[in-house]
Every structure is written in structure tokens, then in C-alpha cells.
């Protein structure tokens, strides 16, 4: 067929309807029928052209897919190496230290992590709301300013506490070092995730995993099996990882926070723009951390102090695969969320949630089975029965591991009040459950695990059904963007 109505002359164009069919008397009805049949029989674009476009589409994305998979494998390998090293160091330390030391160490680590949460006002979560680099730079500077002010206030409070003899000076200094290292790590991990530098995240974990267990053993040899040795090893391990991240990301940090970019007007604009971070995201994070450390609330109710020590050690051991899952899945998922735009973003998030659920099952189910099967290895020792405790608490930590990236995905969009309410309800439920049981037992640990799993499942359904609500830059509302803020 050779008729080509697309090449009609201007005179003919004037006698055509919007459907492109001529209705002038110059063309007979047979020609009209001919053109109609031709257009009905063939698509508007040639199949060869569509095929070539598809090939180019795939060719453009294959390098990105390969790069993403390579980054995932590299990050996973780095973190697995790090956790294997640190697990052996922790087990060796458990051999030399009495169980009560680990209970104190668990409280120290939980306190340092909890106090570090409000330092950045959860502004690191807004790094992923937009792929505009100037917004990332502004959020980074605002989070850095918040962290610096928080550390100054924390130093003043610790100084007062030490002067009142409520805390030994050495413990106060170690706590401040651990607090500062955690704040720097959280800020730079978020920045590296937004920039896609997964190698830096994996290497920093490897550095900490090598340094901290070695320092732990050395300090136990110097100070003896005391809590001070574990506290100092924790602070120095986190500090070494933070120092590595500063050196590794130095050029990126300078580009985002060069002195000439700072201005009070820009910081004020950013704080007003992302006011939901300290207003909703920060309380949500505090409530979520309270939920994570809720089993520590049950330790004073333990009639058997050995069971309390088993729970503290199990929390420390299970925290490692939980961090592994968060460190591997979190950066990959959040970097992908930041890169997605348009209608495909919601579809991508749904596939990501299914992948996260499958991955969490694949990580924690073997741990539970292995702990249950090899529980007899510890018979006759002070850690007899710890395998059963680990198996029971795996459900609790599996729910936490799945919940954390889902919460970050939800925080990457405009945050609604239901996120804060869900955290409050979950924490109230788990505290009420602990009070209702009245004593630490395997049944209580199983009930707490069921609550954690239910919280993760509810959040998965909420993320799955959430409407597309990605934040966009309100240029008209805010006027011009702050050039130096």
C-alpha cells in the first residue's frame, strides 16, 4: 500500500478532520475506505522502529542494572565479612567476661544509640525526598548544624552530671565519644547512600568490625573483664569507622558544606521546608527505638538473672544480622527510591517491599533453626539455654529488620500522622504486654516477637497501599531557592 496521507499538501490539510481522514470531493469513497483499512491494519509506528527503541532502552539500562547488582553484592560481602569478624570477637569476649557485664554493655550501647537519635532531628531522612542536588546540600548542612549544636549541649549536660558525681568522669568521656561517633556515622552513611557510594558504607563497617573486637580483647587484657573495657572498645570502634568515612567522603562533604555555602537564611528556609522531620519523623524514630530496646525493660523482671544475661547476649548477637540487613538493604532501596520518578516509582516500591520481605525471611529463618538445633553445644556452661533464647527472639528481630527499611521508604514521601501513631501504638502494646506477663520468660519473648512481626506486616501493607506522594520542590511557594543556604 502506497497511500500516505501524512504527506498531504497544505491545501489538503485544510479539508481534513482531526482524525486525519479527508472528506473533500476530490477523493472518492473507495479511496476513503482504502485509507481506513490501511490504518486499521497497521500500528501507527513500524515494528522495526519499536524493536530498535526497545534495544536501545535495554542497552541504556544494562550498565545501571549491572552496577546496582555489583554494588549490592559488594556491600553484602563487606558487611558479612564485618559481622563474621565481630561475632568471633564478641564470643571470645563472652568467654572471658561474666554475663552481668554484657547486660551493662547492652544498656550502654542502647543509651548511646537512643541519645544520638535526636541529634540530627531526623533531617538525614529528607536526603532521599528529591534528586535535586542543591536540596541534598542544604539538608546536609542543616543536619550538620543540628548535630554540632546537639553535641555541644550533650557535652555541657555530661559535664554537669560528672560534677554532681552521678557518673564517673571516665564513663562520661567514653559515652560522649561513642555518642559523637554514632552521630557522624549516621550523617555520613545517609550522605553516602544518597550519593550511591555503597563501597564506603561497606568498608566502614569492615573497619569497625576489625578494630572493635581487637580493641575489646586488648582492653580486657589491660583492665580485666570489666564493663569499662567493653564501653571504651565500643567508642573507639565507632570512632574509627567515623574517621574512615570522613576521609573517604571528604571531597563530597566539602562540595555539600563548603564555608561559602552557609547562610542563616538558607538554614531557616530548609528548617521551615522540612519541619515534619523534627515534628513527626523524630518522635517516630524515638518511639521506634523504644520498641527495639523494649526487651531490656523486661530484664528487671527476671527471676532468673542468668536468663536476663542470656537475653542481653541474644540481643547483642541478633543485633548484628539486623544491622547487616539494614546496612545492605537500606542504602540500595533508598538510593533506588531517590532515583525513581513518575508513575513507575510506586510500582518499584511495591517490588522492593516484596524483595525485603523475602530477604528478611531468608536471613532470620536459618538463624532461628540453627540456634535451636545447636542449643545443646552450650550444655554444662554458664550459657546453657542461650540457643533457645536466640531462636525465640529471632522473630522479634526479623520484624525489626523488615520494618526499618519500610519506615525509611515511607519517610521519603510526605509524612503523615499515621506513622507517628503506629509507633506509639506498637510501643504501648509491647510495654503493656511486658507488664501483663509480670516476669521475664520464653513466653513473654515469643509474645514480644509476635508484636514485632505484626508491626512490620502492618507497615508493609501501609507502604504497599500508599498513594504516590513524592515531595516536589515548592518553587512558587517558597520563592527563589536559597542560592547559598
Foldseek 3Di string as FASTA:
>chain_A
DPDDLVPDDPVQVVQDDPVSQGDDPVDDPVVSVVVVVVPVVDDPDDPVVVVVVVVVVCVVCVVVVVVLVVLLVLLLVLLVLLLVLLVVLVVVLPVFADLVLLLVLLVLVLVLVLLLLPQQLQLLLQCQLALDVLLNLLSLQLSVVSNVVSLVVLVVVLVVCVVVVVDPPLLSVLSSLLNNLVNLVVSLLSVCLLVVVSNLLSVLSNQLSNQLSVQLVVLCVVVNNHSSSNSNSSSVSSNSSSVSSCVVCVVVNCVSPPPQLDDPVQSVLSCVVPVCSNVFVSLLVSLLSCLLCVVSVQQVQAPDNLVSSLLSVLSVSLVSVLVSLCSSLQSSVSNVLSPDDDPVSLVVVLVSLVVLLVVLCVRLVVLLVVLVVCLVVCPPHSNRPSSNVNNLLSLLSSLVSSQVSLVSSQSSFDHDNVSSVLSVVLSVVLVVLSVVVSHDDSVNSNVSSVSSNVSSVVSSVCSNPDDDGRDDDPCVVSPHNDRRD
